[in-house]
Amino acid sequence: MRLNLKQLEAFVWVADMQSFRRAAARLNTTQPNISARIARLESALNTQLMTRDAGSVQLTHKGRELLGHARRVLDATDALVLAADQKQLVSGTLRLGVTEMIVHTWLRDYLRAIKESCPSLTVELTVDLSVQLEAGLAERRLDLALQNGPFQRLISGETGLGSYELIWVAAPQLGLDGMVPIDQLAGHPILTHARNTRLFDEVAAHFAQRRWLDVHLVPSSNLAACMHMCLDGMGIATLPAAMVADEIAKGGLRALRYDWVPAPLDFYARYDAEKAPQVVSRCAQIAARVAQSHDKEK
């Protein structure tokens, strides 16, 4: 009996996710199929690679020894396909996580660029807070995350995507113009990002230092909701300049001059360079190229 790439792929994913069920979901197949592939691989190699006990999966000594070899075979296969420049052979599913700021700026251009580079690759998209995307990477539910720092966990693959300035904005009907003093700013609801995000923490800390002010912070997990509330005159917001540039140009929002803004948001394409297929690194580089092109256009 000869082994094949699907068997090696099943072996690597079961080992990484420590679960036949999660590996099956990751490879878009069924748990019985994964079990069958592992059984055939063990038969071909004439050795036991793993044990299953009460739902947990443990590699045997031989399994741990052979796991690195299996990764190298899959990596070499990926390298062969990329070197041959046969776009249609790059297949599978890229589980991509992005923050909302990416959605409202250059995500559409990025997905088009991936489609052009890897037409047979399926993208499964998750939009969430950066902290949740970081957890998804750690748990291998995501292959690649386009997210802003700071980060709680180190990761082996990280490509810079640029820095995004934040500005204060308000609807023209609020009548704020020129240099806005803090008491006028604080006289309106402050629309900001969700609790436990860096943006919320910085805005909250800034106003907490001015105890004489009665500031009403309105956090939201959805930055687009903040922008729309701002457009309707329901408060003042500090948002990425790239995200609100079109609304400012159309006159729906006005950039405010205030003597403090939160620090810029630094964005990165992050992935596990040691375990991820090479196409993930390729998609990270595509993200860097698209982000740079978007910055030049703006």
C-alpha atoms as a PDB file:
ATOM      1  CA  MET A   1       0.000   0.000   0.000  1.00  0.00           C
ATOM      2  CA  ARG A   2       1.410   3.404  -1.002  1.00  0.00           C
ATOM      3  CA  LEU A   3       0.925   6.560   1.039  1.00  0.00           C
ATOM      4  CA  ASN A   4      -0.408   9.802  -0.482  1.00  0.00           C
ATOM      5  CA  LEU A   5      -0.532  13.504   0.266  1.00  0.00           C
ATOM      6  CA  LYS A   6      -4.079  13.416   1.667  1.00  0.00           C
ATOM      7  CA  GLN A   7      -2.948  10.926   4.298  1.00  0.00           C
ATOM      8  CA  LEU A   8       0.029  13.096   5.267  1.00  0.00           C
ATOM      9  CA  GLU A   9      -2.207  16.166   5.350  1.00  0.00           C
ATOM     10  CA  ALA A  10      -4.652  14.383   7.679  1.00  0.00           C
ATOM     11  CA  PHE A  11      -1.778  13.284   9.930  1.00  0.00           C
ATOM     12  CA  VAL A  12      -0.393  16.820  10.249  1.00  0.00           C
ATOM     13  CA  TRP A  13      -3.767  18.455  10.940  1.00  0.00           C
ATOM     14  CA  VAL A  14      -4.860  15.862  13.499  1.00  0.00           C
ATOM     15  CA  ALA A  15      -1.511  16.284  15.256  1.00  0.00           C
ATOM     16  CA  ASP A  16      -1.791  20.086  15.225  1.00  0.00           C
ATOM     17  CA  MET A  17      -5.430  20.284  16.308  1.00  0.00           C
ATOM     18  CA  GLN A  18      -5.326  17.231  18.585  1.00  0.00           C
ATOM     19  CA  SER A  19      -8.724  16.247  17.286  1.00  0.00           C
ATOM     20  CA  PHE A  20     -10.027  14.115  14.416  1.00  0.00           C
ATOM     21  CA  ARG A  21     -13.238  16.143  14.387  1.00  0.00           C
ATOM     22  CA  ARG A  22     -11.510  19.534  14.128  1.00  0.00           C
ATOM     23  CA  ALA A  23      -9.087  18.221  11.511  1.00  0.00           C
ATOM     24  CA  ALA A  24     -12.035  16.966   9.450  1.00  0.00           C
ATOM     25  CA  ALA A  25     -13.690  20.391   9.641  1.00  0.00           C
ATOM     26  CA  ARG A  26     -10.422  22.064   8.669  1.00  0.00           C
ATOM     27  CA  LEU A  27     -10.017  19.810   5.628  1.00  0.00           C
ATOM     28  CA  ASN A  28     -13.702  20.029   4.619  1.00  0.00           C
ATOM     29  CA  THR A  29     -14.302  16.317   4.976  1.00  0.00           C
ATOM     30  CA  THR A  30     -15.813  13.879   7.476  1.00  0.00           C
ATOM     31  CA  GLN A  31     -14.320  12.395  10.615  1.00  0.00           C
ATOM     32  CA  PRO A  32     -14.586   8.818   9.219  1.00  0.00           C
ATOM     33  CA  ASN A  33     -12.568   9.944   6.178  1.00  0.00           C
ATOM     34  CA  ILE A  34      -9.849  11.351   8.412  1.00  0.00           C
ATOM     35  CA  SER A  35      -9.801   8.165  10.485  1.00  0.00           C
ATOM     36  CA  ALA A  36      -9.524   6.087   7.309  1.00  0.00           C
ATOM     37  CA  ARG A  37      -6.629   8.181   5.984  1.00  0.00           C
ATOM     38  CA  ILE A  38      -4.731   7.861   9.252  1.00  0.00           C
ATOM     39  CA  ALA A  39      -5.352   4.100   9.339  1.00  0.00           C
ATOM     40  CA  ARG A  40      -4.065   3.682   5.771  1.00  0.00           C
ATOM     41  CA  LEU A  41      -1.020   5.819   6.520  1.00  0.00           C
ATOM     42  CA  GLU A  42      -0.214   3.749   9.607  1.00  0.00           C
ATOM     43  CA  SER A  43      -0.632   0.577   7.541  1.00  0.00           C
ATOM     44  CA  ALA A  44       1.650   1.886   4.785  1.00  0.00           C
ATOM     45  CA  LEU A  45       4.305   2.909   7.317  1.00  0.00           C
ATOM     46  CA  ASN A  46       3.733  -0.216   9.430  1.00  0.00           C
ATOM     47  CA  THR A  47       3.665   1.833  12.632  1.00  0.00           C
ATOM     48  CA  GLN A  48       1.181   3.438  15.026  1.00  0.00           C
ATOM     49  CA  LEU A  49       1.288   7.230  14.785  1.00  0.00           C
ATOM     50  CA  MET A  50      -1.217   8.242  17.454  1.00  0.00           C
ATOM     51  CA  THR A  51      -3.547   7.018  20.168  1.00  0.00           C
ATOM     52  CA  ARG A  52      -7.093   8.155  20.939  1.00  0.00           C
ATOM     53  CA  ASP A  53      -8.372   8.189  24.494  1.00  0.00           C
ATOM     54  CA  ALA A  54     -11.658   9.740  25.670  1.00  0.00           C
ATOM     55  CA  GLY A  55     -11.669  12.195  22.803  1.00  0.00           C
ATOM     56  CA  SER A  56      -8.033  13.281  23.132  1.00  0.00           C
ATOM     57  CA  VAL A  57      -5.312  12.504  20.602  1.00  0.00           C
ATOM     58  CA  GLN A  58      -1.709  11.805  21.547  1.00  0.00           C
ATOM     59  CA  LEU A  59       1.156  11.134  19.156  1.00  0.00           C
ATOM     60  CA  THR A  60       3.241   8.064  19.785  1.00  0.00           C
ATOM     61  CA  HIS A  61       7.023   8.386  19.979  1.00  0.00           C
ATOM     62  CA  LYS A  62       7.212   7.352  16.324  1.00  0.00           C
ATOM     63  CA  GLY A  63       4.423   9.756  15.431  1.00  0.00           C
ATOM     64  CA  ARG A  64       6.341  12.680  16.927  1.00  0.00           C
ATOM     65  CA  GLU A  65       9.447  11.546  15.069  1.00  0.00           C
ATOM     66  CA  LEU A  66       7.663  11.375  11.706  1.00  0.00           C
ATOM     67  CA  LEU A  67       5.580  14.557  12.034  1.00  0.00           C
ATOM     68  CA  GLY A  68       8.441  16.832  10.952  1.00  0.00           C
ATOM     69  CA  HIS A  69       9.094  14.643   7.916  1.00  0.00           C
ATOM     70  CA  ALA A  70       5.406  14.842   6.940  1.00  0.00           C
ATOM     71  CA  ARG A  71       5.492  18.645   7.191  1.00  0.00           C
ATOM     72  CA  ARG A  72       8.559  18.822   4.970  1.00  0.00           C
ATOM     73  CA  VAL A  73       6.915  16.653   2.304  1.00  0.00           C
ATOM     74  CA  LEU A  74       3.850  18.937   2.251  1.00  0.00           C
ATOM     75  CA  ASP A  75       6.040  22.060   2.246  1.00  0.00           C
ATOM     76  CA  ALA A  76       8.081  20.683  -0.659  1.00  0.00           C
ATOM     77  CA  THR A  77       4.879  19.976  -2.577  1.00  0.00           C
ATOM     78  CA  ASP A  78       3.680  23.546  -1.978  1.00  0.00           C
ATOM     79  CA  ALA A  79       7.059  24.889  -3.106  1.00  0.00           C
ATOM     80  CA  LEU A  80       6.909  22.780  -6.283  1.00  0.00           C
ATOM     81  CA  VAL A  81       3.457  24.139  -7.189  1.00  0.00           C
ATOM     82  CA  LEU A  82       4.492  27.744  -6.525  1.00  0.00           C
ATOM     83  CA  ALA A  83       7.764  27.367  -8.440  1.00  0.00           C
ATOM     84  CA  ALA A  84       5.890  25.937 -11.424  1.00  0.00           C
ATOM     85  CA  ASP A  85       3.664  29.045 -11.363  1.00  0.00           C
ATOM     86  CA  GLN A  86       0.599  26.920 -12.053  1.00  0.00           C
ATOM     87  CA  LYS A  87      -2.043  29.097 -10.405  1.00  0.00           C
ATOM     88  CA  GLN A  88      -4.854  26.598 -10.782  1.00  0.00           C
ATOM     89  CA  LEU A  89      -2.952  23.994  -8.718  1.00  0.00           C
ATOM     90  CA  VAL A  90      -2.993  26.195  -5.611  1.00  0.00           C
ATOM     91  CA  SER A  91      -6.209  24.979  -4.007  1.00  0.00           C
ATOM     92  CA  GLY A  92      -7.802  24.411  -0.632  1.00  0.00           C
ATOM     93  CA  THR A  93      -9.296  26.893   1.813  1.00  0.00           C
ATOM     94  CA  LEU A  94      -7.662  29.978   3.314  1.00  0.00           C
ATOM     95  CA  ARG A  95      -9.283  30.826   6.629  1.00  0.00           C
ATOM     96  CA  LEU A  96      -8.786  34.569   6.735  1.00  0.00           C
ATOM     97  CA  GLY A  97      -9.537  36.852   9.666  1.00  0.00           C
ATOM     98  CA  VAL A  98      -9.691  40.636   9.292  1.00  0.00           C
ATOM     99  CA  THR A  99     -10.623  43.577  11.453  1.00  0.00           C
ATOM    100  CA  GLU A 100     -13.397  45.916  10.450  1.00  0.00           C
ATOM    101  CA  MET A 101     -11.022  48.684   9.384  1.00  0.00           C
ATOM    102  CA  ILE A 102      -9.691  46.415   6.636  1.00  0.00           C
ATOM    103  CA  VAL A 103     -13.266  45.667   5.510  1.00  0.00           C
ATOM    104  CA  HIS A 104     -13.995  49.373   5.035  1.00  0.00           C
ATOM    105  CA  THR A 105     -10.770  50.197   3.200  1.00  0.00           C
ATOM    106  CA  TRP A 106      -9.001  47.678   0.953  1.00  0.00           C
ATOM    107  CA  LEU A 107     -10.485  44.204   1.631  1.00  0.00           C
ATOM    108  CA  ARG A 108     -12.298  44.078  -1.718  1.00  0.00           C
ATOM    109  CA  ASP A 109      -9.097  44.837  -3.640  1.00  0.00           C
ATOM    110  CA  TYR A 110      -7.270  42.231  -1.553  1.00  0.00           C
ATOM    111  CA  LEU A 111      -9.770  39.455  -2.271  1.00  0.00           C
ATOM    112  CA  ARG A 112      -9.568  40.278  -5.981  1.00  0.00           C
ATOM    113  CA  ALA A 113      -5.768  40.048  -5.830  1.00  0.00           C
ATOM    114  CA  ILE A 114      -5.956  36.640  -4.125  1.00  0.00           C
ATOM    115  CA  LYS A 115      -8.397  35.441  -6.787  1.00  0.00           C
ATOM    116  CA  GLU A 116      -6.039  36.577  -9.532  1.00  0.00           C
ATOM    117  CA  SER A 117      -3.002  34.949  -7.903  1.00  0.00           C
ATOM    118  CA  CYS A 118      -4.717  31.730  -6.720  1.00  0.00           C
ATOM    119  CA  PRO A 119      -7.975  31.258  -8.662  1.00  0.00           C
ATOM    120  CA  SER A 120      -8.677  27.810  -7.149  1.00  0.00           C
ATOM    121  CA  LEU A 121      -8.179  28.929  -3.558  1.00  0.00           C
ATOM    122  CA  THR A 122     -11.348  29.389  -1.491  1.00  0.00           C
ATOM    123  CA  VAL A 123     -11.341  32.170   1.110  1.00  0.00           C
ATOM    124  CA  GLU A 124     -13.386  31.684   4.264  1.00  0.00           C
ATOM    125  CA  LEU A 125     -13.712  35.116   5.861  1.00  0.00           C
ATOM    126  CA  THR A 126     -14.073  36.064   9.539  1.00  0.00           C
ATOM    127  CA  VAL A 127     -14.505  39.701  10.615  1.00  0.00           C
ATOM    128  CA  ASP A 128     -13.872  40.299  14.311  1.00  0.00           C
ATOM    129  CA  LEU A 129     -12.000  42.289  16.927  1.00  0.00           C
ATOM    130  CA  SER A 130      -8.227  41.936  16.819  1.00  0.00           C
ATOM    131  CA  VAL A 131      -8.127  40.140  20.177  1.00  0.00           C
ATOM    132  CA  GLN A 132     -10.536  37.490  18.869  1.00  0.00           C
ATOM    133  CA  LEU A 133      -8.549  37.063  15.659  1.00  0.00           C
ATOM    134  CA  GLU A 134      -5.414  36.509  17.720  1.00  0.00           C
ATOM    135  CA  ALA A 135      -7.187  33.738  19.631  1.00  0.00           C
ATOM    136  CA  GLY A 136      -8.299  32.210  16.333  1.00  0.00           C
ATOM    137  CA  LEU A 137      -4.693  32.087  15.137  1.00  0.00           C
ATOM    138  CA  ALA A 138      -3.545  30.461  18.383  1.00  0.00           C
ATOM    139  CA  GLU A 139      -6.254  27.805  18.113  1.00  0.00           C
ATOM    140  CA  ARG A 140      -5.560  27.310  14.374  1.00  0.00           C
ATOM    141  CA  ARG A 141      -9.135  28.218  13.477  1.00  0.00           C
ATOM    142  CA  LEU A 142      -7.548  30.886  11.257  1.00  0.00           C
ATOM    143  CA  ASP A 143      -4.633  30.616   8.843  1.00  0.00           C
ATOM    144  CA  LEU A 144      -4.010  34.331   8.403  1.00  0.00           C
ATOM    145  CA  ALA A 145      -5.120  37.421  10.311  1.00  0.00           C
ATOM    146  CA  LEU A 146      -4.939  41.028   9.096  1.00  0.00           C
ATOM    147  CA  GLN A 147      -5.077  42.847  12.407  1.00  0.00           C
ATOM    148  CA  ASN A 148      -3.790  45.709  14.492  1.00  0.00           C
ATOM    149  CA  GLY A 149      -1.567  45.476  17.570  1.00  0.00           C
ATOM    150  CA  PRO A 150      -0.666  45.287  20.322  1.00  0.00           C
ATOM    151  CA  PHE A 151      -0.607  41.506  20.598  1.00  0.00           C
ATOM    152  CA  GLN A 152      -0.576  39.176  23.566  1.00  0.00           C
ATOM    153  CA  ARG A 153       1.074  36.262  21.763  1.00  0.00           C
ATOM    154  CA  LEU A 154       4.224  36.016  19.675  1.00  0.00           C
ATOM    155  CA  ILE A 155       3.902  34.379  16.276  1.00  0.00           C
ATOM    156  CA  SER A 156       6.505  33.195  13.787  1.00  0.00           C
ATOM    157  CA  GLY A 157       5.079  34.936  10.694  1.00  0.00           C
ATOM    158  CA  GLU A 158       4.401  38.673  10.676  1.00  0.00           C
ATOM    159  CA  THR A 159       4.334  41.096   7.726  1.00  0.00           C
ATOM    160  CA  GLY A 160       3.803  44.828   8.250  1.00  0.00           C
ATOM    161  CA  LEU A 161       0.782  46.364   6.516  1.00  0.00           C
ATOM    162  CA  GLY A 162       1.272  49.980   7.511  1.00  0.00           C
ATOM    163  CA  SER A 163       0.156  52.462  10.128  1.00  0.00           C
ATOM    164  CA  TYR A 164      -3.250  54.152  10.130  1.00  0.00           C
ATOM    165  CA  GLU A 165      -3.753  57.561  11.710  1.00  0.00           C
ATOM    166  CA  LEU A 166      -6.838  58.291  13.787  1.00  0.00           C
ATOM    167  CA  ILE A 167      -8.784  61.538  13.644  1.00  0.00           C
ATOM    168  CA  TRP A 168     -11.746  63.085  15.451  1.00  0.00           C
ATOM    169  CA  VAL A 169     -14.837  63.539  13.319  1.00  0.00           C
ATOM    170  CA  ALA A 170     -18.332  64.937  13.761  1.00  0.00           C
ATOM    171  CA  ALA A 171     -21.329  65.737  11.587  1.00  0.00           C
ATOM    172  CA  PRO A 172     -21.481  69.372  10.396  1.00  0.00           C
ATOM    173  CA  GLN A 173     -24.853  69.859  12.110  1.00  0.00           C
ATOM    174  CA  LEU A 174     -23.128  69.728  15.506  1.00  0.00           C
ATOM    175  CA  GLY A 175     -21.580  73.096  14.672  1.00  0.00           C
ATOM    176  CA  LEU A 176     -18.027  72.209  15.742  1.00  0.00           C
ATOM    177  CA  ASP A 177     -15.292  73.893  13.720  1.00  0.00           C
ATOM    178  CA  GLY A 178     -11.710  75.026  14.080  1.00  0.00           C
ATOM    179  CA  MET A 179      -9.813  74.049  17.226  1.00  0.00           C
ATOM    180  CA  VAL A 180     -12.310  72.325  19.517  1.00  0.00           C
ATOM    181  CA  PRO A 181     -11.744  72.742  23.286  1.00  0.00           C
ATOM    182  CA  ILE A 182     -12.141  69.704  25.501  1.00  0.00           C
ATOM    183  CA  ASP A 183     -15.321  70.924  27.213  1.00  0.00           C
ATOM    184  CA  GLN A 184     -17.084  71.217  23.823  1.00  0.00           C
ATOM    185  CA  LEU A 185     -15.813  67.809  22.759  1.00  0.00           C
ATOM    186  CA  ALA A 186     -16.949  66.226  26.021  1.00  0.00           C
ATOM    187  CA  GLY A 187     -20.325  67.923  25.692  1.00  0.00           C
ATOM    188  CA  HIS A 188     -21.306  65.257  23.167  1.00  0.00           C
ATOM    189  CA  PRO A 189     -21.357  61.438  23.428  1.00  0.00           C
ATOM    190  CA  ILE A 190     -17.943  60.023  22.532  1.00  0.00           C
ATOM    191  CA  LEU A 191     -18.410  57.136  20.099  1.00  0.00           C
ATOM    192  CA  THR A 192     -15.533  54.683  20.263  1.00  0.00           C
ATOM    193  CA  HIS A 193     -14.509  51.086  19.746  1.00  0.00           C
ATOM    194  CA  ALA A 194     -15.529  48.196  21.990  1.00  0.00           C
ATOM    195  CA  ARG A 195     -14.354  47.749  25.545  1.00  0.00           C
ATOM    196  CA  ASN A 196     -11.111  45.784  25.888  1.00  0.00           C
ATOM    197  CA  THR A 197      -9.737  47.268  22.675  1.00  0.00           C
ATOM    198  CA  ARG A 198      -6.689  49.503  22.645  1.00  0.00           C
ATOM    199  CA  LEU A 199      -8.662  52.370  21.113  1.00  0.00           C
ATOM    200  CA  PHE A 200     -11.301  52.323  23.858  1.00  0.00           C
ATOM    201  CA  ASP A 201      -8.649  52.067  26.576  1.00  0.00           C
ATOM    202  CA  GLU A 202      -6.742  55.097  25.257  1.00  0.00           C
ATOM    203  CA  VAL A 203      -9.856  57.251  24.872  1.00  0.00           C
ATOM    204  CA  ALA A 204     -11.117  56.260  28.331  1.00  0.00           C
ATOM    205  CA  ALA A 205      -7.729  56.984  29.914  1.00  0.00           C
ATOM    206  CA  HIS A 206      -7.510  60.385  28.224  1.00  0.00           C
ATOM    207  CA  PHE A 207     -10.815  61.597  29.637  1.00  0.00           C
ATOM    208  CA  ALA A 208     -10.330  59.873  33.002  1.00  0.00           C
ATOM    209  CA  GLN A 209      -7.434  62.257  33.657  1.00  0.00           C
ATOM    210  CA  ARG A 210      -9.922  65.166  33.528  1.00  0.00           C
ATOM    211  CA  ARG A 211     -12.150  64.266  36.427  1.00  0.00           C
ATOM    212  CA  TRP A 212     -14.129  67.526  36.264  1.00  0.00           C
ATOM    213  CA  LEU A 213     -15.652  66.449  32.944  1.00  0.00           C
ATOM    214  CA  ASP A 214     -18.869  64.457  32.717  1.00  0.00           C
ATOM    215  CA  VAL A 215     -17.913  62.327  29.707  1.00  0.00           C
ATOM    216  CA  HIS A 216     -20.309  59.831  28.146  1.00  0.00           C
ATOM    217  CA  LEU A 217     -18.385  57.097  26.306  1.00  0.00           C
ATOM    218  CA  VAL A 218     -20.426  54.976  23.890  1.00  0.00           C
ATOM    219  CA  PRO A 219     -18.435  51.842  22.935  1.00  0.00           C
ATOM    220  CA  SER A 220     -19.370  49.655  19.980  1.00  0.00           C
ATOM    221  CA  SER A 221     -17.855  46.485  18.559  1.00  0.00           C
ATOM    222  CA  ASN A 222     -18.724  47.822  15.107  1.00  0.00           C
ATOM    223  CA  LEU A 223     -16.742  50.824  13.865  1.00  0.00           C
ATOM    224  CA  ALA A 224     -19.133  51.259  10.948  1.00  0.00           C
ATOM    225  CA  ALA A 225     -21.930  51.735  13.474  1.00  0.00           C
ATOM    226  CA  CYS A 226     -19.844  54.438  15.158  1.00  0.00           C
ATOM    227  CA  MET A 227     -19.384  56.161  11.823  1.00  0.00           C
ATOM    228  CA  HIS A 228     -23.074  55.974  10.943  1.00  0.00           C
ATOM    229  CA  MET A 229     -24.105  57.305  14.357  1.00  0.00           C
ATOM    230  CA  CYS A 230     -21.605  60.107  13.846  1.00  0.00           C
ATOM    231  CA  LEU A 231     -23.086  60.866  10.418  1.00  0.00           C
ATOM    232  CA  ASP A 232     -26.505  61.188  12.090  1.00  0.00           C
ATOM    233  CA  GLY A 233     -25.149  63.678  14.624  1.00  0.00           C
ATOM    234  CA  MET A 234     -25.449  61.257  17.559  1.00  0.00           C
ATOM    235  CA  GLY A 235     -21.956  61.942  18.857  1.00  0.00           C
ATOM    236  CA  ILE A 236     -18.295  62.538  18.110  1.00  0.00           C
ATOM    237  CA  ALA A 237     -15.910  59.743  17.164  1.00  0.00           C
ATOM    238  CA  THR A 238     -12.224  59.072  16.751  1.00  0.00           C
ATOM    239  CA  LEU A 239     -11.834  56.762  13.745  1.00  0.00           C
ATOM    240  CA  PRO A 240      -9.151  55.728  11.235  1.00  0.00           C
ATOM    241  CA  ALA A 241      -8.734  58.547   8.725  1.00  0.00           C
ATOM    242  CA  ALA A 242      -8.698  56.028   5.857  1.00  0.00           C
ATOM    243  CA  MET A 243     -12.077  54.711   6.933  1.00  0.00           C
ATOM    244  CA  VAL A 244     -13.842  58.100   6.966  1.00  0.00           C
ATOM    245  CA  ALA A 245     -12.021  59.768   4.063  1.00  0.00           C
ATOM    246  CA  ASP A 246     -14.927  59.325   1.627  1.00  0.00           C
ATOM    247  CA  GLU A 247     -17.509  60.690   4.086  1.00  0.00           C
ATOM    248  CA  ILE A 248     -15.325  63.722   4.765  1.00  0.00           C
ATOM    249  CA  ALA A 249     -14.904  64.320   1.029  1.00  0.00           C
ATOM    250  CA  LYS A 250     -18.694  64.149   0.540  1.00  0.00           C
ATOM    251  CA  GLY A 251     -19.309  66.557   3.421  1.00  0.00           C
ATOM    252  CA  GLY A 252     -21.115  64.059   5.641  1.00  0.00           C
ATOM    253  CA  LEU A 253     -18.416  64.325   8.285  1.00  0.00           C
ATOM    254  CA  ARG A 254     -16.033  67.046   9.340  1.00  0.00           C
ATOM    255  CA  ALA A 255     -12.502  66.431  10.652  1.00  0.00           C
ATOM    256  CA  LEU A 256     -12.071  68.141  14.016  1.00  0.00           C
ATOM    257  CA  ARG A 257      -8.950  69.803  15.355  1.00  0.00           C
ATOM    258  CA  TYR A 258      -8.269  68.681  18.891  1.00  0.00           C
ATOM    259  CA  ASP A 259      -4.926  68.589  20.674  1.00  0.00           C
ATOM    260  CA  TRP A 260      -4.929  64.832  21.282  1.00  0.00           C
ATOM    261  CA  VAL A 261      -5.689  61.693  19.276  1.00  0.00           C
ATOM    262  CA  PRO A 262      -5.037  58.038  20.100  1.00  0.00           C
ATOM    263  CA  ALA A 263      -1.847  56.513  18.741  1.00  0.00           C
ATOM    264  CA  PRO A 264      -1.992  55.237  15.140  1.00  0.00           C
ATOM    265  CA  LEU A 265      -3.153  51.666  14.544  1.00  0.00           C
ATOM    266  CA  ASP A 266      -0.300  49.489  13.317  1.00  0.00           C
ATOM    267  CA  PHE A 267      -1.527  46.611  11.146  1.00  0.00           C
ATOM    268  CA  TYR A 268       0.124  43.294  10.363  1.00  0.00           C
ATOM    269  CA  ALA A 269      -0.551  40.116   8.407  1.00  0.00           C
ATOM    270  CA  ARG A 270       0.097  37.378  11.000  1.00  0.00           C
ATOM    271  CA  TYR A 271       0.357  33.626  10.573  1.00  0.00           C
ATOM    272  CA  ASP A 272       2.202  30.551  11.838  1.00  0.00           C
ATOM    273  CA  ALA A 273       5.178  30.390   9.482  1.00  0.00           C
ATOM    274  CA  GLU A 274       6.303  27.058  10.916  1.00  0.00           C
ATOM    275  CA  LYS A 275       3.048  25.181  10.294  1.00  0.00           C
ATOM    276  CA  ALA A 276       1.043  27.087   7.687  1.00  0.00           C
ATOM    277  CA  PRO A 277       1.123  26.091   3.991  1.00  0.00           C
ATOM    278  CA  GLN A 278       3.303  28.313   1.826  1.00  0.00           C
ATOM    279  CA  VAL A 279       0.252  29.825   0.165  1.00  0.00           C
ATOM    280  CA  VAL A 280      -0.493  31.571   3.479  1.00  0.00           C
ATOM    281  CA  SER A 281       2.836  33.393   3.339  1.00  0.00           C
ATOM    282  CA  ARG A 282       2.072  34.285  -0.272  1.00  0.00           C
ATOM    283  CA  CYS A 283      -1.285  35.767   0.748  1.00  0.00           C
ATOM    284  CA  ALA A 284       0.428  37.773   3.500  1.00  0.00           C
ATOM    285  CA  GLN A 285       2.737  39.303   0.890  1.00  0.00           C
ATOM    286  CA  ILE A 286      -0.243  40.067  -1.336  1.00  0.00           C
ATOM    287  CA  ALA A 287      -1.854  41.880   1.603  1.00  0.00           C
ATOM    288  CA  ALA A 288       1.265  44.013   2.067  1.00  0.00           C
ATOM    289  CA  ARG A 289       1.271  44.932  -1.628  1.00  0.00           C
ATOM    290  CA  VAL A 290      -2.430  45.838  -1.683  1.00  0.00           C
ATOM    291  CA  ALA A 291      -2.153  47.853   1.545  1.00  0.00           C
ATOM    292  CA  GLN A 292       0.784  49.817   0.163  1.00  0.00           C
ATOM    293  CA  SER A 293      -1.070  50.501  -3.087  1.00  0.00           C
ATOM    294  CA  HIS A 294      -4.116  51.710  -1.152  1.00  0.00           C
ATOM    295  CA  ASP A 295      -1.961  54.072   0.925  1.00  0.00           C
ATOM    296  CA  LYS A 296      -0.460  55.598  -2.221  1.00  0.00           C
ATOM    297  CA  GLU A 297      -3.901  56.162  -3.720  1.00  0.00           C
ATOM    298  CA  LYS A 298      -5.099  57.940  -0.576  1.00  0.00           C
END
